[in-house]
């Protein structure tokens, strides 16, 4: 990120994902699906050029905060977000985690 660029986390419901945007550029996302009254957070990905800048962590926090605002439970299937939750217990009250990783079978590095 350059000085003056503001990272924005937005819901993109038509794509079923939260996006991290720098201006018009999408630099990362968290894929989700809604089932059984819960929002399942399935997969996180960050543009390889942008790794190591905290974008994955900001995506995880933004997605979790949005789920909290909606008043539903989060079902975490994404290994990255599950790891994030190991260090951020302020979300424990509305999060269910499936141990063992993503249903997609890949543990994408987010940063």
C-alpha atoms as a PDB file:
ATOM      1  CA  UNK A   1       0.000   0.000   0.000  1.00  0.00           C
ATOM      2  CA  UNK A   2       1.198   3.442  -0.804  1.00  0.00           C
ATOM      3  CA  UNK A   3       0.926   6.418   1.485  1.00  0.00           C
ATOM      4  CA  UNK A   4      -2.561   7.856   1.235  1.00  0.00           C
ATOM      5  CA  UNK A   5      -4.168   4.635   0.011  1.00  0.00           C
ATOM      6  CA  UNK A   6      -6.954   3.462   2.287  1.00  0.00           C
ATOM      7  CA  UNK A   7      -7.791  -0.240   2.469  1.00  0.00           C
ATOM      8  CA  UNK A   8     -11.544  -0.768   2.471  1.00  0.00           C
ATOM      9  CA  UNK A   9     -13.314  -4.024   3.382  1.00  0.00           C
ATOM     10  CA  UNK A  10     -16.685  -4.325   1.624  1.00  0.00           C
ATOM     11  CA  UNK A  11     -19.337  -6.992   1.200  1.00  0.00           C
ATOM     12  CA  UNK A  12     -19.813  -8.027  -2.420  1.00  0.00           C
ATOM     13  CA  UNK A  13     -22.970 -10.167  -2.119  1.00  0.00           C
ATOM     14  CA  UNK A  14     -23.251 -10.847  -5.851  1.00  0.00           C
ATOM     15  CA  UNK A  15     -19.852 -12.589  -5.626  1.00  0.00           C
ATOM     16  CA  UNK A  16     -20.506 -14.122  -2.169  1.00  0.00           C
ATOM     17  CA  UNK A  17     -17.403 -12.580  -0.713  1.00  0.00           C
ATOM     18  CA  UNK A  18     -15.930  -9.767   1.326  1.00  0.00           C
ATOM     19  CA  UNK A  19     -13.365  -7.825  -0.650  1.00  0.00           C
ATOM     20  CA  UNK A  20     -10.319  -5.820   0.394  1.00  0.00           C
ATOM     21  CA  UNK A  21     -10.064  -2.879  -1.988  1.00  0.00           C
ATOM     22  CA  UNK A  22      -7.412  -0.271  -2.600  1.00  0.00           C
ATOM     23  CA  UNK A  23      -9.266   2.219  -4.744  1.00  0.00           C
ATOM     24  CA  UNK A  24     -10.721   0.208  -7.627  1.00  0.00           C
ATOM     25  CA  UNK A  25      -8.300  -2.698  -7.140  1.00  0.00           C
ATOM     26  CA  UNK A  26      -9.416  -5.854  -5.311  1.00  0.00           C
ATOM     27  CA  UNK A  27      -6.361  -7.079  -3.377  1.00  0.00           C
ATOM     28  CA  UNK A  28      -7.974  -9.888  -1.393  1.00  0.00           C
ATOM     29  CA  UNK A  29     -11.215 -11.580  -0.461  1.00  0.00           C
ATOM     30  CA  UNK A  30     -13.016 -13.926   1.894  1.00  0.00           C
ATOM     31  CA  UNK A  31     -15.509 -16.237   0.187  1.00  0.00           C
ATOM     32  CA  UNK A  32     -18.694 -17.004   2.105  1.00  0.00           C
ATOM     33  CA  UNK A  33     -21.971 -18.838   1.865  1.00  0.00           C
ATOM     34  CA  UNK A  34     -25.107 -18.650   3.962  1.00  0.00           C
ATOM     35  CA  UNK A  35     -26.569 -21.853   5.349  1.00  0.00           C
ATOM     36  CA  UNK A  36     -28.756 -22.852   8.274  1.00  0.00           C
ATOM     37  CA  UNK A  37     -28.935 -19.273   9.561  1.00  0.00           C
ATOM     38  CA  UNK A  38     -25.140 -18.942   9.659  1.00  0.00           C
ATOM     39  CA  UNK A  39     -22.605 -17.278   7.410  1.00  0.00           C
ATOM     40  CA  UNK A  40     -19.901 -19.804   6.494  1.00  0.00           C
ATOM     41  CA  UNK A  41     -16.498 -18.187   5.922  1.00  0.00           C
ATOM     42  CA  UNK A  42     -14.932 -20.616   3.488  1.00  0.00           C
ATOM     43  CA  UNK A  43     -11.713 -19.301   1.938  1.00  0.00           C
ATOM     44  CA  UNK A  44      -9.392 -16.289   2.228  1.00  0.00           C
ATOM     45  CA  UNK A  45      -7.034 -15.151  -0.474  1.00  0.00           C
ATOM     46  CA  UNK A  46      -4.713 -12.149  -0.816  1.00  0.00           C
ATOM     47  CA  UNK A  47      -2.968 -10.978  -3.990  1.00  0.00           C
ATOM     48  CA  UNK A  48       0.584 -12.404  -3.753  1.00  0.00           C
ATOM     49  CA  UNK A  49       2.021  -8.928  -4.443  1.00  0.00           C
ATOM     50  CA  UNK A  50       0.230  -7.635  -1.333  1.00  0.00           C
ATOM     51  CA  UNK A  51       1.106 -10.394   1.155  1.00  0.00           C
ATOM     52  CA  UNK A  52       2.791  -9.451   4.405  1.00  0.00           C
ATOM     53  CA  UNK A  53       0.922  -6.153   4.776  1.00  0.00           C
ATOM     54  CA  UNK A  54      -1.804  -7.292   7.164  1.00  0.00           C
ATOM     55  CA  UNK A  55      -4.511  -7.431   4.506  1.00  0.00           C
ATOM     56  CA  UNK A  56      -5.571 -10.974   5.435  1.00  0.00           C
ATOM     57  CA  UNK A  57      -5.974 -10.001   9.074  1.00  0.00           C
ATOM     58  CA  UNK A  58      -7.976  -6.911   8.171  1.00  0.00           C
ATOM     59  CA  UNK A  59     -10.161  -9.038   5.900  1.00  0.00           C
ATOM     60  CA  UNK A  60     -10.783 -11.551   8.675  1.00  0.00           C
ATOM     61  CA  UNK A  61     -11.703  -8.803  11.136  1.00  0.00           C
ATOM     62  CA  UNK A  62     -13.932  -7.024   8.614  1.00  0.00           C
ATOM     63  CA  UNK A  63     -15.784 -10.199   7.695  1.00  0.00           C
ATOM     64  CA  UNK A  64     -16.279 -11.182  11.333  1.00  0.00           C
ATOM     65  CA  UNK A  65     -17.470  -7.699  12.293  1.00  0.00           C
ATOM     66  CA  UNK A  66     -20.014  -7.763   9.462  1.00  0.00           C
ATOM     67  CA  UNK A  67     -21.324 -11.160  10.565  1.00  0.00           C
ATOM     68  CA  UNK A  68     -21.644  -9.816  14.109  1.00  0.00           C
ATOM     69  CA  UNK A  69     -23.599  -6.747  12.858  1.00  0.00           C
ATOM     70  CA  UNK A  70     -25.986  -9.067  11.010  1.00  0.00           C
ATOM     71  CA  UNK A  71     -26.758 -10.872  14.268  1.00  0.00           C
ATOM     72  CA  UNK A  72     -26.026 -14.358  12.899  1.00  0.00           C
ATOM     73  CA  UNK A  73     -23.404 -16.940  13.797  1.00  0.00           C
ATOM     74  CA  UNK A  74     -20.228 -17.395  11.781  1.00  0.00           C
ATOM     75  CA  UNK A  75     -19.246 -20.896  10.702  1.00  0.00           C
ATOM     76  CA  UNK A  76     -15.505 -20.758  10.061  1.00  0.00           C
ATOM     77  CA  UNK A  77     -14.257 -23.295   7.540  1.00  0.00           C
ATOM     78  CA  UNK A  78     -11.276 -21.238   6.362  1.00  0.00           C
ATOM     79  CA  UNK A  79      -7.942 -22.269   7.928  1.00  0.00           C
ATOM     80  CA  UNK A  80      -6.615 -18.697   7.811  1.00  0.00           C
ATOM     81  CA  UNK A  81      -9.582 -17.219   9.681  1.00  0.00           C
ATOM     82  CA  UNK A  82      -9.504 -20.124  12.136  1.00  0.00           C
ATOM     83  CA  UNK A  83      -5.860 -19.294  12.862  1.00  0.00           C
ATOM     84  CA  UNK A  84      -6.773 -15.608  13.224  1.00  0.00           C
ATOM     85  CA  UNK A  85      -9.397 -16.579  15.798  1.00  0.00           C
ATOM     86  CA  UNK A  86      -6.755 -18.407  17.852  1.00  0.00           C
ATOM     87  CA  UNK A  87      -5.313 -14.945  18.604  1.00  0.00           C
ATOM     88  CA  UNK A  88      -8.496 -12.822  18.627  1.00  0.00           C
ATOM     89  CA  UNK A  89     -11.004 -14.086  21.171  1.00  0.00           C
ATOM     90  CA  UNK A  90     -13.358 -11.107  20.964  1.00  0.00           C
ATOM     91  CA  UNK A  91     -15.335 -13.097  18.374  1.00  0.00           C
ATOM     92  CA  UNK A  92     -15.794 -16.282  20.416  1.00  0.00           C
ATOM     93  CA  UNK A  93     -19.396 -15.448  21.335  1.00  0.00           C
ATOM     94  CA  UNK A  94     -20.807 -15.937  17.811  1.00  0.00           C
ATOM     95  CA  UNK A  95     -18.295 -18.178  16.026  1.00  0.00           C
ATOM     96  CA  UNK A  96     -18.432 -21.914  15.319  1.00  0.00           C
ATOM     97  CA  UNK A  97     -15.279 -23.484  13.909  1.00  0.00           C
ATOM     98  CA  UNK A  98     -14.787 -26.673  12.002  1.00  0.00           C
ATOM     99  CA  UNK A  99     -11.411 -28.056  12.940  1.00  0.00           C
ATOM    100  CA  UNK A 100      -9.267 -29.536  10.216  1.00  0.00           C
ATOM    101  CA  UNK A 101      -9.513 -26.843   7.567  1.00  0.00           C
ATOM    102  CA  UNK A 102     -11.519 -25.833   4.568  1.00  0.00           C
ATOM    103  CA  UNK A 103     -14.020 -27.926   2.687  1.00  0.00           C
ATOM    104  CA  UNK A 104     -12.075 -26.950  -0.440  1.00  0.00           C
ATOM    105  CA  UNK A 105      -9.062 -28.873   0.783  1.00  0.00           C
ATOM    106  CA  UNK A 106      -6.584 -26.024   0.292  1.00  0.00           C
ATOM    107  CA  UNK A 107      -5.026 -23.868   2.962  1.00  0.00           C
ATOM    108  CA  UNK A 108      -4.329 -20.683   1.047  1.00  0.00           C
ATOM    109  CA  UNK A 109      -1.808 -18.387   2.631  1.00  0.00           C
ATOM    110  CA  UNK A 110      -3.357 -15.009   3.275  1.00  0.00           C
ATOM    111  CA  UNK A 111      -0.547 -13.230   5.191  1.00  0.00           C
END
